[in-house]
Amino acid sequence: SGKGWMHRERLLREAGAWSAQRVPPLSQAAWERRRGELQGWLVDRLHLGDDPTPPELRVHRSIPRKGYRIDLISYASGSPDIRVTAALYVPDGPGPFPAVLNLHGHWPQGKLAARVQERGHLLAQNGFVVLSPDAPGAGERSQGEGIFRYHGGAAGAGLYLIGDSLTGWQVRDNRRAIDVLTGLPVVDAARIGVTGASGGGNQTMWISACDARVKVCVPVVSVGTFDAYVTARNCICETLPGGLTAMEEWELIGLMAPRPVLVMNAYKDSSPAFGPEPVTRTAHALRDLYRLWQAEERFDARI
């Protein structure tokens, strides 16, 4: 009919109206009340009950490197029959070392993608234990051995039919990844950070909001505003039904407060959802939130 733009404009107006309802609180007490509401909603919507499955960590192969090694591992998550494949970078020495959960983006190769491996090598060389897992449907968890497919299409959307989401599955797997890290004698469980770019940055902010064991959160080229996502054709892993009506993105990231957060975005991102304007709006709200703790130095956003 040629009138599709009218539907798009209506969706954008509705999204803007929902977003405008979310304003930073005026006190820590007000935020703690809001924090409790959000945490309860996330537990319910992401199905975050305790995982009774033992991780049953297995080391399948070790690759020695100068000053560190790479263990190719797997562990159970959600079910003894569902195993997460991952690479564990371990510096030489007794430790305990700080650790980084290193999450990959929308790349079919998962942990094998060069940019993901580069972070593992660099951090291990600087004294960090690094865990790089494959997200559901990516890397060695793809739909066929040696066949890499994009995980965020129809297969990921199919989870909606059973009341689940790819977002929730990733959060649950990443909580299990932190279980694995905190169970390693070589890891200082009080010093765990998370980072990732693109879809890995999206995973970073969700797991950081949902797990208090994360002490530092660095999402890269992944933060905007939830209303900016509307009509932007984001990945299924960034789409949680009911999310915009429940919260704005600054509120999700704000569940980290006053723990340190560094947001990093690109000036010329290919997606307008993560451009300078939406991330700046989110950053302003987060700075207001961190001022409640007089902890402005623990939050930064860079473009």
C-alpha atoms as a PDB file:
ATOM      1  CA  SER A   1       0.000   0.000   0.000  1.00  0.00           C
ATOM      2  CA  GLY A   2       3.033   2.284   0.320  1.00  0.00           C
ATOM      3  CA  LYS A   3       1.931   3.299   3.828  1.00  0.00           C
ATOM      4  CA  GLY A   4       4.498   1.274   5.787  1.00  0.00           C
ATOM      5  CA  TRP A   5       6.166   4.475   6.945  1.00  0.00           C
ATOM      6  CA  MET A   6       3.014   5.344   8.914  1.00  0.00           C
ATOM      7  CA  HIS A   7       3.302   2.117  10.922  1.00  0.00           C
ATOM      8  CA  ARG A   8       6.999   2.780  11.494  1.00  0.00           C
ATOM      9  CA  GLU A   9       6.338   6.316  12.710  1.00  0.00           C
ATOM     10  CA  ARG A  10       3.627   5.061  15.079  1.00  0.00           C
ATOM     11  CA  LEU A  11       6.019   2.478  16.568  1.00  0.00           C
ATOM     12  CA  LEU A  12       8.683   5.144  17.051  1.00  0.00           C
ATOM     13  CA  ARG A  13       6.222   7.475  18.791  1.00  0.00           C
ATOM     14  CA  GLU A  14       5.062   4.702  21.123  1.00  0.00           C
ATOM     15  CA  ALA A  15       8.663   3.710  21.888  1.00  0.00           C
ATOM     16  CA  GLY A  16       9.583   7.317  22.629  1.00  0.00           C
ATOM     17  CA  ALA A  17       6.635   7.633  24.987  1.00  0.00           C
ATOM     18  CA  TRP A  18       7.653   4.530  26.938  1.00  0.00           C
ATOM     19  CA  SER A  19      11.257   5.755  27.116  1.00  0.00           C
ATOM     20  CA  ALA A  20      10.232   9.212  28.343  1.00  0.00           C
ATOM     21  CA  GLN A  21       8.561   7.640  31.384  1.00  0.00           C
ATOM     22  CA  ARG A  22      11.951   6.491  32.689  1.00  0.00           C
ATOM     23  CA  VAL A  23      13.796   9.190  34.626  1.00  0.00           C
ATOM     24  CA  PRO A  24      16.704   8.849  37.078  1.00  0.00           C
ATOM     25  CA  PRO A  25      15.659   8.602  40.747  1.00  0.00           C
ATOM     26  CA  LEU A  26      16.329  11.376  43.236  1.00  0.00           C
ATOM     27  CA  SER A  27      17.667   9.183  46.046  1.00  0.00           C
ATOM     28  CA  GLN A  28      19.435   5.901  46.707  1.00  0.00           C
ATOM     29  CA  ALA A  29      16.327   4.640  48.501  1.00  0.00           C
ATOM     30  CA  ALA A  30      14.168   5.287  45.437  1.00  0.00           C
ATOM     31  CA  TRP A  31      16.657   3.469  43.240  1.00  0.00           C
ATOM     32  CA  GLU A  32      16.867   0.494  45.601  1.00  0.00           C
ATOM     33  CA  ARG A  33      13.087   0.126  45.356  1.00  0.00           C
ATOM     34  CA  ARG A  34      13.309   0.316  41.587  1.00  0.00           C
ATOM     35  CA  ARG A  35      16.280  -2.080  41.578  1.00  0.00           C
ATOM     36  CA  GLY A  36      14.207  -4.688  43.418  1.00  0.00           C
ATOM     37  CA  GLU A  37      11.370  -4.355  40.887  1.00  0.00           C
ATOM     38  CA  LEU A  38      13.748  -4.758  37.945  1.00  0.00           C
ATOM     39  CA  GLN A  39      15.614  -7.685  39.436  1.00  0.00           C
ATOM     40  CA  GLY A  40      12.358  -9.520  40.104  1.00  0.00           C
ATOM     41  CA  TRP A  41      11.189  -8.873  36.552  1.00  0.00           C
ATOM     42  CA  LEU A  42      14.487 -10.122  35.104  1.00  0.00           C
ATOM     43  CA  VAL A  43      14.475 -13.306  37.188  1.00  0.00           C
ATOM     44  CA  ASP A  44      10.989 -14.081  35.926  1.00  0.00           C
ATOM     45  CA  ARG A  45      11.433 -13.055  32.282  1.00  0.00           C
ATOM     46  CA  LEU A  46      14.902 -14.603  31.820  1.00  0.00           C
ATOM     47  CA  HIS A  47      14.106 -17.760  33.831  1.00  0.00           C
ATOM     48  CA  LEU A  48      16.988 -17.188  36.230  1.00  0.00           C
ATOM     49  CA  GLY A  49      16.317 -19.862  38.804  1.00  0.00           C
ATOM     50  CA  ASP A  50      19.330 -21.645  40.272  1.00  0.00           C
ATOM     51  CA  ASP A  51      20.905 -24.164  37.913  1.00  0.00           C
ATOM     52  CA  PRO A  52      21.035 -27.528  39.724  1.00  0.00           C
ATOM     53  CA  THR A  53      23.283 -29.060  37.058  1.00  0.00           C
ATOM     54  CA  PRO A  54      26.925 -29.555  38.142  1.00  0.00           C
ATOM     55  CA  PRO A  55      29.273 -27.786  35.678  1.00  0.00           C
ATOM     56  CA  GLU A  56      31.350 -30.965  35.240  1.00  0.00           C
ATOM     57  CA  LEU A  57      34.265 -29.046  33.740  1.00  0.00           C
ATOM     58  CA  ARG A  58      36.305 -31.004  31.202  1.00  0.00           C
ATOM     59  CA  VAL A  59      39.649 -30.006  29.681  1.00  0.00           C
ATOM     60  CA  HIS A  60      39.861 -31.532  26.208  1.00  0.00           C
ATOM     61  CA  ARG A  61      43.204 -30.093  25.105  1.00  0.00           C
ATOM     62  CA  SER A  62      45.856 -27.617  26.257  1.00  0.00           C
ATOM     63  CA  ILE A  63      47.901 -25.367  23.997  1.00  0.00           C
ATOM     64  CA  PRO A  64      51.095 -23.985  25.594  1.00  0.00           C
ATOM     65  CA  ARG A  65      52.004 -20.374  24.856  1.00  0.00           C
ATOM     66  CA  LYS A  66      54.804 -18.139  26.096  1.00  0.00           C
ATOM     67  CA  GLY A  67      53.751 -17.084  29.604  1.00  0.00           C
ATOM     68  CA  TYR A  68      50.318 -18.724  29.511  1.00  0.00           C
ATOM     69  CA  ARG A  69      48.327 -21.635  28.124  1.00  0.00           C
ATOM     70  CA  ILE A  70      44.983 -22.095  26.409  1.00  0.00           C
ATOM     71  CA  ASP A  71      42.735 -24.880  27.676  1.00  0.00           C
ATOM     72  CA  LEU A  72      39.963 -25.977  25.320  1.00  0.00           C
ATOM     73  CA  ILE A  73      37.175 -26.874  27.714  1.00  0.00           C
ATOM     74  CA  SER A  74      33.481 -27.679  27.986  1.00  0.00           C
ATOM     75  CA  TYR A  75      31.015 -27.548  30.864  1.00  0.00           C
ATOM     76  CA  ALA A  76      27.326 -28.271  31.446  1.00  0.00           C
ATOM     77  CA  SER A  77      24.767 -25.465  31.573  1.00  0.00           C
ATOM     78  CA  GLY A  78      21.082 -25.961  32.283  1.00  0.00           C
ATOM     79  CA  SER A  79      21.204 -29.682  31.599  1.00  0.00           C
ATOM     80  CA  PRO A  80      23.864 -32.423  31.707  1.00  0.00           C
ATOM     81  CA  ASP A  81      23.217 -32.860  27.979  1.00  0.00           C
ATOM     82  CA  ILE A  82      23.881 -29.216  27.085  1.00  0.00           C
ATOM     83  CA  ARG A  83      27.585 -28.426  27.108  1.00  0.00           C
ATOM     84  CA  VAL A  84      29.161 -25.045  26.506  1.00  0.00           C
ATOM     85  CA  THR A  85      32.400 -25.101  24.511  1.00  0.00           C
ATOM     86  CA  ALA A  86      34.963 -22.500  25.535  1.00  0.00           C
ATOM     87  CA  ALA A  87      38.604 -21.448  25.540  1.00  0.00           C
ATOM     88  CA  LEU A  88      40.260 -20.752  28.897  1.00  0.00           C
ATOM     89  CA  TYR A  89      43.427 -18.621  28.854  1.00  0.00           C
ATOM     90  CA  VAL A  90      45.522 -19.159  32.002  1.00  0.00           C
ATOM     91  CA  PRO A  91      48.722 -17.205  32.842  1.00  0.00           C
ATOM     92  CA  ASP A  92      51.705 -19.129  34.158  1.00  0.00           C
ATOM     93  CA  GLY A  93      52.049 -19.092  37.931  1.00  0.00           C
ATOM     94  CA  PRO A  94      49.987 -20.023  40.976  1.00  0.00           C
ATOM     95  CA  GLY A  95      47.656 -17.035  40.992  1.00  0.00           C
ATOM     96  CA  PRO A  96      45.082 -16.221  42.069  1.00  0.00           C
ATOM     97  CA  PHE A  97      44.593 -13.953  39.058  1.00  0.00           C
ATOM     98  CA  PRO A  98      41.784 -11.553  38.195  1.00  0.00           C
ATOM     99  CA  ALA A  99      39.514 -12.949  35.506  1.00  0.00           C
ATOM    100  CA  VAL A 100      37.628 -11.663  32.468  1.00  0.00           C
ATOM    101  CA  LEU A 101      34.597 -13.245  30.851  1.00  0.00           C
ATOM    102  CA  ASN A 102      35.273 -12.495  27.175  1.00  0.00           C
ATOM    103  CA  LEU A 103      32.031 -12.604  25.161  1.00  0.00           C
ATOM    104  CA  HIS A 104      31.837 -12.725  21.374  1.00  0.00           C
ATOM    105  CA  GLY A 105      29.544 -10.771  19.091  1.00  0.00           C
ATOM    106  CA  HIS A 106      27.387 -11.694  16.105  1.00  0.00           C
ATOM    107  CA  TRP A 107      30.090 -13.836  14.550  1.00  0.00           C
ATOM    108  CA  PRO A 108      29.317 -17.411  13.499  1.00  0.00           C
ATOM    109  CA  GLN A 109      32.821 -18.530  14.521  1.00  0.00           C
ATOM    110  CA  GLY A 110      32.122 -17.654  18.167  1.00  0.00           C
ATOM    111  CA  LYS A 111      35.218 -17.865  20.359  1.00  0.00           C
ATOM    112  CA  LEU A 112      37.314 -18.706  17.277  1.00  0.00           C
ATOM    113  CA  ALA A 113      36.781 -15.268  15.710  1.00  0.00           C
ATOM    114  CA  ALA A 114      40.152 -13.514  15.446  1.00  0.00           C
ATOM    115  CA  ARG A 115      39.088 -10.405  17.374  1.00  0.00           C
ATOM    116  CA  VAL A 116      37.856 -12.578  20.263  1.00  0.00           C
ATOM    117  CA  GLN A 117      41.068 -14.597  20.358  1.00  0.00           C
ATOM    118  CA  GLU A 118      43.103 -11.372  20.281  1.00  0.00           C
ATOM    119  CA  ARG A 119      41.493 -10.196  23.525  1.00  0.00           C
ATOM    120  CA  GLY A 120      42.203 -13.568  25.120  1.00  0.00           C
ATOM    121  CA  HIS A 121      45.883 -13.484  24.183  1.00  0.00           C
ATOM    122  CA  LEU A 122      46.353  -9.843  25.213  1.00  0.00           C
ATOM    123  CA  LEU A 123      44.647 -10.183  28.587  1.00  0.00           C
ATOM    124  CA  ALA A 124      46.412 -13.457  29.428  1.00  0.00           C
ATOM    125  CA  GLN A 125      49.758 -11.843  28.632  1.00  0.00           C
ATOM    126  CA  ASN A 126      48.845  -9.145  31.161  1.00  0.00           C
ATOM    127  CA  GLY A 127      47.997 -11.520  33.993  1.00  0.00           C
ATOM    128  CA  PHE A 128      44.284 -12.224  33.562  1.00  0.00           C
ATOM    129  CA  VAL A 129      42.522 -15.553  33.370  1.00  0.00           C
ATOM    130  CA  VAL A 130      40.179 -15.274  30.377  1.00  0.00           C
ATOM    131  CA  LEU A 131      37.139 -17.409  29.618  1.00  0.00           C
ATOM    132  CA  SER A 132      35.815 -17.172  26.047  1.00  0.00           C
ATOM    133  CA  PRO A 133      32.645 -19.291  25.620  1.00  0.00           C
ATOM    134  CA  ASP A 134      30.599 -20.026  22.513  1.00  0.00           C
ATOM    135  CA  ALA A 135      27.097 -18.540  22.665  1.00  0.00           C
ATOM    136  CA  PRO A 136      24.155 -20.848  21.843  1.00  0.00           C
ATOM    137  CA  GLY A 137      24.173 -21.586  18.111  1.00  0.00           C
ATOM    138  CA  ALA A 138      27.650 -20.149  17.468  1.00  0.00           C
ATOM    139  CA  GLY A 139      31.132 -21.622  17.120  1.00  0.00           C
ATOM    140  CA  GLU A 140      31.299 -25.271  18.141  1.00  0.00           C
ATOM    141  CA  ARG A 141      27.675 -25.016  19.290  1.00  0.00           C
ATOM    142  CA  SER A 142      26.435 -24.449  15.760  1.00  0.00           C
ATOM    143  CA  GLN A 143      23.961 -26.674  13.925  1.00  0.00           C
ATOM    144  CA  GLY A 144      26.585 -28.966  12.419  1.00  0.00           C
ATOM    145  CA  GLU A 145      30.210 -29.865  12.994  1.00  0.00           C
ATOM    146  CA  GLY A 146      32.450 -27.380  11.214  1.00  0.00           C
ATOM    147  CA  ILE A 147      29.407 -25.455   9.932  1.00  0.00           C
ATOM    148  CA  PHE A 148      29.261 -21.880  11.187  1.00  0.00           C
ATOM    149  CA  ARG A 149      25.889 -20.150  10.990  1.00  0.00           C
ATOM    150  CA  TYR A 150      24.580 -16.875  12.370  1.00  0.00           C
ATOM    151  CA  HIS A 151      22.844 -17.668  15.664  1.00  0.00           C
ATOM    152  CA  GLY A 152      20.439 -14.731  15.817  1.00  0.00           C
ATOM    153  CA  GLY A 153      17.971 -15.575  13.046  1.00  0.00           C
ATOM    154  CA  ALA A 154      15.005 -17.931  12.891  1.00  0.00           C
ATOM    155  CA  ALA A 155      16.625 -20.493  15.202  1.00  0.00           C
ATOM    156  CA  GLY A 156      17.031 -17.906  17.947  1.00  0.00           C
ATOM    157  CA  ALA A 157      13.541 -16.501  17.398  1.00  0.00           C
ATOM    158  CA  GLY A 158      12.093 -20.006  17.748  1.00  0.00           C
ATOM    159  CA  LEU A 159      12.727 -19.805  21.492  1.00  0.00           C
ATOM    160  CA  TYR A 160       9.851 -17.308  21.759  1.00  0.00           C
ATOM    161  CA  LEU A 161       7.454 -20.142  20.915  1.00  0.00           C
ATOM    162  CA  ILE A 162       8.305 -21.907  24.188  1.00  0.00           C
ATOM    163  CA  GLY A 163       8.255 -18.779  26.335  1.00  0.00           C
ATOM    164  CA  ASP A 164      12.036 -18.347  26.320  1.00  0.00           C
ATOM    165  CA  SER A 165      14.481 -16.046  24.530  1.00  0.00           C
ATOM    166  CA  LEU A 166      18.011 -16.090  23.181  1.00  0.00           C
ATOM    167  CA  THR A 167      18.741 -13.215  25.568  1.00  0.00           C
ATOM    168  CA  GLY A 168      17.721 -15.374  28.522  1.00  0.00           C
ATOM    169  CA  TRP A 169      19.659 -18.403  27.322  1.00  0.00           C
ATOM    170  CA  GLN A 170      22.800 -16.303  26.960  1.00  0.00           C
ATOM    171  CA  VAL A 171      22.405 -14.834  30.442  1.00  0.00           C
ATOM    172  CA  ARG A 172      21.971 -18.288  31.967  1.00  0.00           C
ATOM    173  CA  ASP A 173      25.000 -19.656  30.110  1.00  0.00           C
ATOM    174  CA  ASN A 174      27.085 -16.669  31.162  1.00  0.00           C
ATOM    175  CA  ARG A 175      26.086 -17.114  34.812  1.00  0.00           C
ATOM    176  CA  ARG A 176      27.350 -20.680  34.488  1.00  0.00           C
ATOM    177  CA  ALA A 177      30.583 -19.311  32.978  1.00  0.00           C
ATOM    178  CA  ILE A 178      31.054 -17.219  36.127  1.00  0.00           C
ATOM    179  CA  ASP A 179      30.364 -20.364  38.185  1.00  0.00           C
ATOM    180  CA  VAL A 180      33.248 -21.996  36.315  1.00  0.00           C
ATOM    181  CA  LEU A 181      35.595 -19.052  36.900  1.00  0.00           C
ATOM    182  CA  THR A 182      34.825 -18.749  40.601  1.00  0.00           C
ATOM    183  CA  GLY A 183      35.411 -22.487  40.998  1.00  0.00           C
ATOM    184  CA  LEU A 184      38.979 -22.316  39.664  1.00  0.00           C
ATOM    185  CA  PRO A 185      41.693 -22.080  42.360  1.00  0.00           C
ATOM    186  CA  VAL A 186      43.747 -19.946  39.982  1.00  0.00           C
ATOM    187  CA  VAL A 187      41.021 -17.236  39.861  1.00  0.00           C
ATOM    188  CA  ASP A 188      40.450 -14.435  42.383  1.00  0.00           C
ATOM    189  CA  ALA A 189      36.650 -14.700  42.639  1.00  0.00           C
ATOM    190  CA  ALA A 190      36.406 -11.145  43.989  1.00  0.00           C
ATOM    191  CA  ARG A 191      37.953  -9.681  40.814  1.00  0.00           C
ATOM    192  CA  ILE A 192      35.847 -10.740  37.819  1.00  0.00           C
ATOM    193  CA  GLY A 193      35.088  -8.433  34.896  1.00  0.00           C
ATOM    194  CA  VAL A 194      33.129  -8.872  31.681  1.00  0.00           C
ATOM    195  CA  THR A 195      33.650  -7.387  28.229  1.00  0.00           C
ATOM    196  CA  GLY A 196      32.666  -7.947  24.625  1.00  0.00           C
ATOM    197  CA  ALA A 197      31.914  -6.068  21.423  1.00  0.00           C
ATOM    198  CA  SER A 198      28.680  -5.789  19.451  1.00  0.00           C
ATOM    199  CA  GLY A 199      26.537  -8.769  20.498  1.00  0.00           C
ATOM    200  CA  GLY A 200      29.254  -9.530  23.044  1.00  0.00           C
ATOM    201  CA  GLY A 201      28.733  -6.063  24.475  1.00  0.00           C
ATOM    202  CA  ASN A 202      25.024  -6.767  24.645  1.00  0.00           C
ATOM    203  CA  GLN A 203      25.748  -9.990  26.530  1.00  0.00           C
ATOM    204  CA  THR A 204      28.129  -8.007  28.766  1.00  0.00           C
ATOM    205  CA  MET A 205      25.499  -5.565  29.996  1.00  0.00           C
ATOM    206  CA  TRP A 206      22.854  -8.267  30.554  1.00  0.00           C
ATOM    207  CA  ILE A 207      25.054 -10.618  32.581  1.00  0.00           C
ATOM    208  CA  SER A 208      26.519  -7.694  34.531  1.00  0.00           C
ATOM    209  CA  ALA A 209      23.016  -6.505  35.440  1.00  0.00           C
ATOM    210  CA  CYS A 210      21.931 -10.002  36.479  1.00  0.00           C
ATOM    211  CA  ASP A 211      24.971 -11.244  38.444  1.00  0.00           C
ATOM    212  CA  ALA A 212      26.447  -9.359  41.402  1.00  0.00           C
ATOM    213  CA  ARG A 213      29.701 -11.311  41.078  1.00  0.00           C
ATOM    214  CA  VAL A 214      30.635  -9.106  38.118  1.00  0.00           C
ATOM    215  CA  LYS A 215      32.815  -6.302  39.498  1.00  0.00           C
ATOM    216  CA  VAL A 216      33.637  -4.418  36.266  1.00  0.00           C
ATOM    217  CA  CYS A 217      31.509  -4.100  33.107  1.00  0.00           C
ATOM    218  CA  VAL A 218      32.888  -2.895  29.722  1.00  0.00           C
ATOM    219  CA  PRO A 219      30.320  -3.170  26.890  1.00  0.00           C
ATOM    220  CA  VAL A 220      31.742  -2.091  23.519  1.00  0.00           C
ATOM    221  CA  VAL A 221      29.780  -0.816  20.467  1.00  0.00           C
ATOM    222  CA  SER A 222      26.548  -2.147  21.940  1.00  0.00           C
ATOM    223  CA  VAL A 223      24.886   0.477  24.135  1.00  0.00           C
ATOM    224  CA  GLY A 224      22.186   2.847  22.924  1.00  0.00           C
ATOM    225  CA  THR A 225      18.641   3.218  24.206  1.00  0.00           C
ATOM    226  CA  PHE A 226      15.907   0.614  24.053  1.00  0.00           C
ATOM    227  CA  ASP A 227      13.590   2.968  22.175  1.00  0.00           C
ATOM    228  CA  ALA A 228      16.331   3.434  19.534  1.00  0.00           C
ATOM    229  CA  TYR A 229      16.244  -0.339  18.951  1.00  0.00           C
ATOM    230  CA  VAL A 230      12.670  -0.117  17.610  1.00  0.00           C
ATOM    231  CA  THR A 231      12.638  -0.598  13.795  1.00  0.00           C
ATOM    232  CA  ALA A 232      16.465  -0.850  13.859  1.00  0.00           C
ATOM    233  CA  ARG A 233      16.459  -4.599  12.987  1.00  0.00           C
ATOM    234  CA  ASN A 234      18.720  -5.678  15.818  1.00  0.00           C
ATOM    235  CA  CYS A 235      19.805  -9.242  16.461  1.00  0.00           C
ATOM    236  CA  ILE A 236      17.336 -11.624  18.126  1.00  0.00           C
ATOM    237  CA  CYS A 237      19.767 -11.843  21.067  1.00  0.00           C
ATOM    238  CA  GLU A 238      19.134  -8.123  21.672  1.00  0.00           C
ATOM    239  CA  THR A 239      15.353  -8.493  21.558  1.00  0.00           C
ATOM    240  CA  LEU A 240      13.492  -9.345  24.748  1.00  0.00           C
ATOM    241  CA  PRO A 241       9.681  -9.219  24.484  1.00  0.00           C
ATOM    242  CA  GLY A 242       8.307  -6.636  26.888  1.00  0.00           C
ATOM    243  CA  GLY A 243      11.734  -5.166  27.596  1.00  0.00           C
ATOM    244  CA  LEU A 244      11.021  -1.566  26.564  1.00  0.00           C
ATOM    245  CA  THR A 245       7.766  -1.475  28.505  1.00  0.00           C
ATOM    246  CA  ALA A 246       9.606  -2.649  31.639  1.00  0.00           C
ATOM    247  CA  MET A 247      12.735  -0.479  31.617  1.00  0.00           C
ATOM    248  CA  GLU A 248      15.117   1.680  29.626  1.00  0.00           C
ATOM    249  CA  GLU A 249      18.680   0.626  28.864  1.00  0.00           C
ATOM    250  CA  TRP A 250      20.222   2.961  31.443  1.00  0.00           C
ATOM    251  CA  GLU A 251      18.142   1.210  34.113  1.00  0.00           C
ATOM    252  CA  LEU A 252      19.450  -2.201  33.061  1.00  0.00           C
ATOM    253  CA  ILE A 253      23.075  -1.048  33.118  1.00  0.00           C
ATOM    254  CA  GLY A 254      22.328   0.934  36.275  1.00  0.00           C
ATOM    255  CA  LEU A 255      21.794  -2.315  38.168  1.00  0.00           C
ATOM    256  CA  MET A 256      25.612  -2.391  38.237  1.00  0.00           C
ATOM    257  CA  ALA A 257      25.784   0.862  40.227  1.00  0.00           C
ATOM    258  CA  PRO A 258      27.982   1.755  41.997  1.00  0.00           C
ATOM    259  CA  ARG A 259      30.303  -0.911  40.530  1.00  0.00           C
ATOM    260  CA  PRO A 260      32.563   0.374  37.701  1.00  0.00           C
ATOM    261  CA  VAL A 261      31.165   0.582  34.161  1.00  0.00           C
ATOM    262  CA  LEU A 262      32.927   1.776  31.000  1.00  0.00           C
ATOM    263  CA  VAL A 263      30.786   2.156  27.867  1.00  0.00           C
ATOM    264  CA  MET A 264      32.629   2.441  24.545  1.00  0.00           C
ATOM    265  CA  ASN A 265      30.854   3.226  21.247  1.00  0.00           C
ATOM    266  CA  ALA A 266      31.924   4.053  17.699  1.00  0.00           C
ATOM    267  CA  TYR A 267      31.227   7.482  16.206  1.00  0.00           C
ATOM    268  CA  LYS A 268      30.198   5.959  12.858  1.00  0.00           C
ATOM    269  CA  ASP A 269      28.451   2.757  13.927  1.00  0.00           C
ATOM    270  CA  SER A 270      26.626   1.038  11.071  1.00  0.00           C
ATOM    271  CA  SER A 271      23.491   0.854  13.251  1.00  0.00           C
ATOM    272  CA  PRO A 272      21.833   4.124  14.316  1.00  0.00           C
ATOM    273  CA  ALA A 273      20.610   2.320  17.458  1.00  0.00           C
ATOM    274  CA  PHE A 274      24.157   2.585  18.849  1.00  0.00           C
ATOM    275  CA  GLY A 275      25.029   6.027  17.511  1.00  0.00           C
ATOM    276  CA  PRO A 276      26.223   9.052  19.513  1.00  0.00           C
ATOM    277  CA  GLU A 277      22.739  10.395  20.313  1.00  0.00           C
ATOM    278  CA  PRO A 278      21.182   7.322  21.991  1.00  0.00           C
ATOM    279  CA  VAL A 279      24.330   6.342  23.895  1.00  0.00           C
ATOM    280  CA  THR A 280      24.715   9.940  25.108  1.00  0.00           C
ATOM    281  CA  ARG A 281      21.163   9.880  26.498  1.00  0.00           C
ATOM    282  CA  THR A 282      21.900   6.643  28.337  1.00  0.00           C
ATOM    283  CA  ALA A 283      25.219   7.997  29.628  1.00  0.00           C
ATOM    284  CA  HIS A 284      23.590  11.161  31.022  1.00  0.00           C
ATOM    285  CA  ALA A 285      21.060   9.089  32.969  1.00  0.00           C
ATOM    286  CA  LEU A 286      23.760   6.752  34.285  1.00  0.00           C
ATOM    287  CA  ARG A 287      25.901   9.682  35.449  1.00  0.00           C
ATOM    288  CA  ASP A 288      22.914  11.013  37.394  1.00  0.00           C
ATOM    289  CA  LEU A 289      22.494   7.572  38.949  1.00  0.00           C
ATOM    290  CA  TYR A 290      26.156   7.247  39.946  1.00  0.00           C
ATOM    291  CA  ARG A 291      26.034  10.705  41.575  1.00  0.00           C
ATOM    292  CA  LEU A 292      23.667   9.250  44.153  1.00  0.00           C
ATOM    293  CA  TRP A 293      26.685   7.294  45.477  1.00  0.00           C
ATOM    294  CA  GLN A 294      29.123  10.148  44.808  1.00  0.00           C
ATOM    295  CA  ALA A 295      30.794   7.620  42.523  1.00  0.00           C
ATOM    296  CA  GLU A 296      30.932   9.524  39.241  1.00  0.00           C
ATOM    297  CA  GLU A 297      34.502   8.333  38.700  1.00  0.00           C
ATOM    298  CA  ARG A 298      33.223   4.742  38.458  1.00  0.00           C
ATOM    299  CA  PHE A 299      31.235   5.427  35.309  1.00  0.00           C
ATOM    300  CA  ASP A 300      32.535   6.620  31.944  1.00  0.00           C
ATOM    301  CA  ALA A 301      31.252   6.608  28.381  1.00  0.00           C
ATOM    302  CA  ARG A 302      33.537   7.196  25.402  1.00  0.00           C
ATOM    303  CA  ILE A 303      32.780   7.615  21.713  1.00  0.00           C
END
